[in-house]
Amino acid sequence: MGTLWFIRHGQACFGADEYDALSENGCRQAKALGHYFARAGIAFDAVYSGSMKRQTETAKHAMATANHGAPMAGPTILKEFNEYDFVAIIKSQLPAMVREDPYMEERSKNIFKDDATFVELFSLIFQRWISGTHDIPGAETFEAYKGRIRQGLAKVIRDNGSLGNTAVFTSGGVIGVLVQMVLNLSLDITMETGWQICNASISRFQVKDNRLIMAGFNAIAHLEIEGNQNLITYR
C-alpha cells in the first residue's frame, strides 16, 4: 500500500495585506517539518502542492531542510489542492446575512482584524456556505470545492499512490474534506474537526484498491518537540 502524507501549510500572514504568504513563524514550522523528515529517514517518491504561495513555500522550506539545504526540484503543482477562497465566501454570504440580521454588519467590521471575531463569524458564514442552500452564481460552491479535491486525489493515486510515500502540501479545508470522505462524517462534525487542524500538521492516508484508509490525523509531534509553544497555531 502507498501512503499519502497530506501536510497543512505553515502559518500564513493573517490580517496582513498579503495573507497568502508564510509568516516568520510559518517558515519555522515548515523547517521543523523538514528536520523531522530528515531525522526519521522519511523520503518521498513524489511531492505535490497546491498553487497557493503559503502551500508552495511550506513545501520548499520543508523539503530543502529535509535535504540538508541541497537544492531540490520544486513540487508538482495541482491547483485542485488549493484552499477555498475564504474572502470570496465571506463576500458571497455576508450581504444576505446582514439583510437577515442588521446587527451582523457592525459585528463584521473587524472580521479581518481580530482573530476571535473571524472565528466566530466565519464559522456561521462557512456553515451557510457548506449547506448548499445559499449558493451564489459565479462563486465556487462547496460541492464544486469537494469535486476538484476528488479530481486531484484521483490524479495523485493514479500517478503515485499505489507504492511508497507521496507528500501533498495543502490546506486545512482540503484535509477536512478528505477526512469527511474517509470517515463519512456529517457536515457539522467535519466543520468542527477542520478547526482543529494545526498549521504544518501531518495527516496520513493509506491507499488500498484505489480507496483511502485513515492512518493518522493532525500529527504535530515534530512541532511539539521543538519546545516552542508559538509553533502550535491554527491560522
Protein backbone atom coordinates (compact mmCIF):
# COMPACT_ATOMS: atom_id res chain seq x y z
CA MET A 1 0.00 0.00 0.00
CA GLY A 2 1.13 3.53 -0.69
CA THR A 3 0.92 6.29 1.90
CA LEU A 4 -0.28 9.82 1.16
CA TRP A 5 1.04 12.47 3.55
CA PHE A 6 -1.29 15.47 3.49
CA ILE A 7 0.52 18.37 5.13
CA ARG A 8 -1.14 21.63 6.05
CA HIS A 9 0.81 24.78 5.19
CA GLY A 10 2.61 26.76 7.86
CA GLN A 11 1.13 29.84 9.47
CA ALA A 12 0.14 32.49 6.95
CA CYS A 13 0.04 36.27 7.44
CA PHE A 14 -3.49 36.66 8.81
CA GLY A 15 -4.54 40.31 8.91
CA ALA A 16 -1.68 41.46 6.67
CA ASP A 17 -2.06 42.99 3.21
CA GLU A 18 -0.76 39.74 1.73
CA TYR A 19 -2.34 36.85 3.59
CA ASP A 20 -1.13 34.21 1.15
CA ALA A 21 2.47 34.05 2.38
CA LEU A 22 4.19 32.35 5.27
CA SER A 23 4.83 34.37 8.39
CA GLU A 24 8.23 34.07 10.06
CA ASN A 25 6.63 31.55 12.38
CA GLY A 26 5.24 29.68 9.38
CA CYS A 27 8.77 29.36 7.97
CA ARG A 28 9.96 27.92 11.28
CA GLN A 29 7.08 25.42 11.22
CA ALA A 30 7.97 24.32 7.68
CA LYS A 31 11.62 23.84 8.63
CA ALA A 32 10.54 21.80 11.67
CA LEU A 33 8.75 19.51 9.22
CA GLY A 34 11.96 19.14 7.25
CA HIS A 35 14.01 18.37 10.34
CA TYR A 36 11.50 15.67 11.25
CA PHE A 37 11.62 14.07 7.79
CA ALA A 38 15.44 14.05 7.91
CA ARG A 39 15.69 12.62 11.45
CA ALA A 40 13.04 9.97 10.79
CA GLY A 41 14.59 8.97 7.46
CA ILE A 42 11.34 9.67 5.61
CA ALA A 43 11.84 10.07 1.87
CA PHE A 44 9.10 10.90 -0.61
CA ASP A 45 8.73 9.34 -4.03
CA ALA A 46 6.67 12.32 -5.18
CA VAL A 47 5.86 15.76 -3.78
CA TYR A 48 2.76 17.78 -4.71
CA SER A 49 1.44 21.17 -3.66
CA GLY A 50 -1.48 23.42 -4.35
CA SER A 51 -0.53 26.59 -6.21
CA MET A 52 -1.05 28.98 -3.29
CA LYS A 53 2.08 30.73 -2.06
CA ARG A 54 1.72 29.54 1.53
CA GLN A 55 1.46 25.95 0.29
CA THR A 56 4.42 26.05 -2.13
CA GLU A 57 6.61 27.94 0.37
CA THR A 58 5.91 25.31 3.03
CA ALA A 59 6.85 22.55 0.59
CA LYS A 60 10.08 24.27 -0.46
CA HIS A 61 11.24 25.10 3.08
CA ALA A 62 10.36 21.63 4.38
CA MET A 63 11.96 19.68 1.56
CA ALA A 64 15.09 21.84 1.43
CA THR A 65 15.58 21.37 5.17
CA ALA A 66 14.96 17.63 4.86
CA ASN A 67 17.65 17.57 2.16
CA HIS A 68 20.07 19.49 4.42
CA GLY A 69 19.85 22.62 2.29
CA ALA A 70 20.73 20.99 -1.01
CA PRO A 71 18.63 22.27 -3.92
CA MET A 72 15.69 20.11 -4.92
CA ALA A 73 13.16 20.20 -7.72
CA GLY A 74 10.01 22.09 -6.80
CA PRO A 75 6.79 20.25 -6.01
CA THR A 76 4.38 19.27 -8.76
CA ILE A 77 1.62 21.88 -8.69
CA LEU A 78 -2.01 20.75 -8.62
CA LYS A 79 -4.48 23.60 -8.22
CA GLU A 80 -7.10 21.05 -7.17
CA PHE A 81 -5.49 21.17 -3.72
CA ASN A 82 -5.89 24.93 -3.32
CA GLU A 83 -7.91 26.08 -0.34
CA TYR A 84 -11.34 27.63 -0.78
CA ASP A 85 -11.26 31.40 -1.18
CA PHE A 86 -12.45 32.46 2.27
CA VAL A 87 -12.67 36.12 1.25
CA ALA A 88 -14.91 35.22 -1.69
CA ILE A 89 -17.07 33.07 0.59
CA ILE A 90 -17.48 35.96 3.04
CA LYS A 91 -18.37 38.36 0.23
CA SER A 92 -20.87 35.92 -1.25
CA GLN A 93 -22.68 35.11 2.01
CA LEU A 94 -22.34 38.14 4.27
CA PRO A 95 -24.67 40.59 2.41
CA ALA A 96 -27.65 38.25 2.79
CA MET A 97 -26.75 37.60 6.42
CA VAL A 98 -26.69 41.35 7.09
CA ARG A 99 -30.11 41.71 5.49
CA GLU A 100 -31.43 38.97 7.73
CA ASP A 101 -29.70 40.36 10.83
CA PRO A 102 -28.63 44.04 10.56
CA TYR A 103 -26.55 43.69 13.74
CA MET A 104 -24.24 41.43 11.73
CA GLU A 105 -22.93 44.46 9.82
CA GLU A 106 -21.43 46.03 12.95
CA ARG A 107 -20.03 42.72 14.17
CA SER A 108 -18.36 42.02 10.82
CA LYS A 109 -16.32 45.23 10.69
CA ASN A 110 -13.37 43.56 12.45
CA ILE A 111 -13.62 40.18 10.75
CA PHE A 112 -10.22 40.56 9.06
CA LYS A 113 -8.56 42.32 12.00
CA ASP A 114 -9.45 40.27 15.07
CA ASP A 115 -8.89 36.52 15.24
CA ALA A 116 -11.70 35.83 17.71
CA THR A 117 -14.18 37.79 15.58
CA PHE A 118 -13.03 35.94 12.48
CA VAL A 119 -13.54 32.53 14.07
CA GLU A 120 -16.96 33.44 15.46
CA LEU A 121 -18.37 34.95 12.27
CA PHE A 122 -16.65 32.77 9.70
CA SER A 123 -17.99 29.68 11.46
CA LEU A 124 -21.51 30.98 10.76
CA ILE A 125 -20.65 32.04 7.22
CA PHE A 126 -18.92 28.75 6.46
CA GLN A 127 -21.83 26.70 7.79
CA ARG A 128 -24.15 28.64 5.50
CA TRP A 129 -21.82 28.01 2.54
CA ILE A 130 -21.45 24.25 3.06
CA SER A 131 -25.22 23.83 3.43
CA GLY A 132 -25.56 24.36 -0.33
CA THR A 133 -28.84 26.26 0.13
CA HIS A 134 -27.32 29.71 -0.41
CA ASP A 135 -25.13 29.20 -3.49
CA ILE A 136 -24.27 32.37 -5.40
CA PRO A 137 -23.81 32.31 -9.22
CA GLY A 138 -20.15 32.73 -10.11
CA ALA A 139 -18.84 31.74 -6.67
CA GLU A 140 -17.33 28.32 -6.01
CA THR A 141 -19.82 26.10 -4.22
CA PHE A 142 -18.94 23.60 -1.54
CA GLU A 143 -19.87 20.75 -3.88
CA ALA A 144 -17.57 22.15 -6.58
CA TYR A 145 -14.80 22.51 -3.98
CA LYS A 146 -15.16 18.86 -2.94
CA GLY A 147 -15.30 17.81 -6.59
CA ARG A 148 -11.97 19.36 -7.50
CA ILE A 149 -10.32 17.83 -4.42
CA ARG A 150 -11.54 14.41 -5.55
CA GLN A 151 -10.09 15.09 -9.02
CA GLY A 152 -6.70 15.98 -7.55
CA LEU A 153 -6.75 12.93 -5.30
CA ALA A 154 -7.58 10.64 -8.23
CA LYS A 155 -4.64 12.04 -10.21
CA VAL A 156 -2.20 11.57 -7.33
CA ILE A 157 -3.37 8.00 -6.73
CA ARG A 158 -3.24 7.20 -10.43
CA ASP A 159 0.30 8.55 -10.82
CA ASN A 160 1.94 7.78 -7.47
CA GLY A 161 -0.47 6.43 -4.92
CA SER A 162 -0.03 2.67 -5.05
CA LEU A 163 3.50 2.41 -3.62
CA GLY A 164 5.87 4.41 -1.42
CA ASN A 165 5.34 7.80 0.19
CA THR A 166 3.73 10.79 -1.50
CA ALA A 167 3.60 14.25 0.11
CA VAL A 168 0.83 16.74 -0.65
CA PHE A 169 1.23 20.25 0.77
CA THR A 170 -2.23 21.79 1.01
CA SER A 171 -4.64 23.47 3.44
CA GLY A 172 -6.87 22.59 6.37
CA GLY A 173 -10.12 22.65 4.42
CA VAL A 174 -8.80 20.13 1.89
CA ILE A 175 -7.67 17.79 4.65
CA GLY A 176 -11.05 18.19 6.37
CA VAL A 177 -12.86 17.14 3.19
CA LEU A 178 -10.64 14.06 2.85
CA VAL A 179 -11.33 13.08 6.46
CA GLN A 180 -15.06 13.50 5.84
CA MET A 181 -14.82 11.26 2.76
CA VAL A 182 -12.89 8.53 4.55
CA LEU A 183 -14.84 8.52 7.83
CA ASN A 184 -18.25 9.52 6.41
CA LEU A 185 -18.61 12.39 8.86
CA SER A 186 -21.58 14.76 8.99
CA LEU A 187 -21.03 18.31 7.78
CA ASP A 188 -21.28 19.69 11.33
CA ILE A 189 -18.63 17.31 12.65
CA THR A 190 -16.48 17.96 9.58
CA MET A 191 -16.55 21.69 10.28
CA GLU A 192 -15.70 21.20 13.97
CA THR A 193 -12.88 18.82 13.04
CA GLY A 194 -11.50 21.24 10.46
CA TRP A 195 -11.00 23.96 13.06
CA GLN A 196 -8.67 21.61 14.98
CA ILE A 197 -6.18 21.12 12.14
CA CYS A 198 -2.91 22.82 13.08
CA ASN A 199 -0.55 24.63 10.77
CA ALA A 200 2.19 22.32 9.46
CA SER A 201 0.37 19.25 10.82
CA ILE A 202 0.51 15.87 9.12
CA SER A 203 -2.47 13.65 8.24
CA ARG A 204 -1.74 10.29 6.62
CA PHE A 205 -3.88 8.09 4.41
CA GLN A 206 -3.05 4.66 3.04
CA VAL A 207 -4.19 3.71 -0.44
CA LYS A 208 -5.74 0.29 -0.89
CA ASP A 209 -7.65 -0.71 -4.03
CA ASN A 210 -7.98 2.97 -5.02
CA ARG A 211 -9.62 3.90 -1.74
CA LEU A 212 -8.26 5.72 1.29
CA ILE A 213 -7.75 4.35 4.80
CA MET A 214 -7.12 6.78 7.65
CA ALA A 215 -3.64 6.24 9.10
CA GLY A 216 -3.09 9.40 11.15
CA PHE A 217 -4.65 12.80 11.75
CA ASN A 218 -3.30 16.24 12.66
CA ALA A 219 0.06 14.98 13.97
CA ILE A 220 2.20 17.78 15.43
CA ALA A 221 4.87 15.93 17.46
CA HIS A 222 7.50 17.41 15.13
CA LEU A 223 6.40 20.87 16.32
CA GLU A 224 5.96 19.98 19.99
CA ILE A 225 9.45 18.50 20.23
CA GLU A 226 10.92 21.88 19.26
CA GLY A 227 9.89 23.14 22.71
CA ASN A 228 8.34 26.34 21.38
CA GLN A 229 4.60 26.73 22.01
CA ASN A 230 4.47 29.52 19.41
CA LEU A 231 4.81 26.83 16.75
CA ILE A 232 1.34 25.46 17.60
CA THR A 233 -1.04 27.64 15.58
CA TYR A 234 -4.31 27.23 13.74
CA ARG A 235 -4.41 30.18 11.28
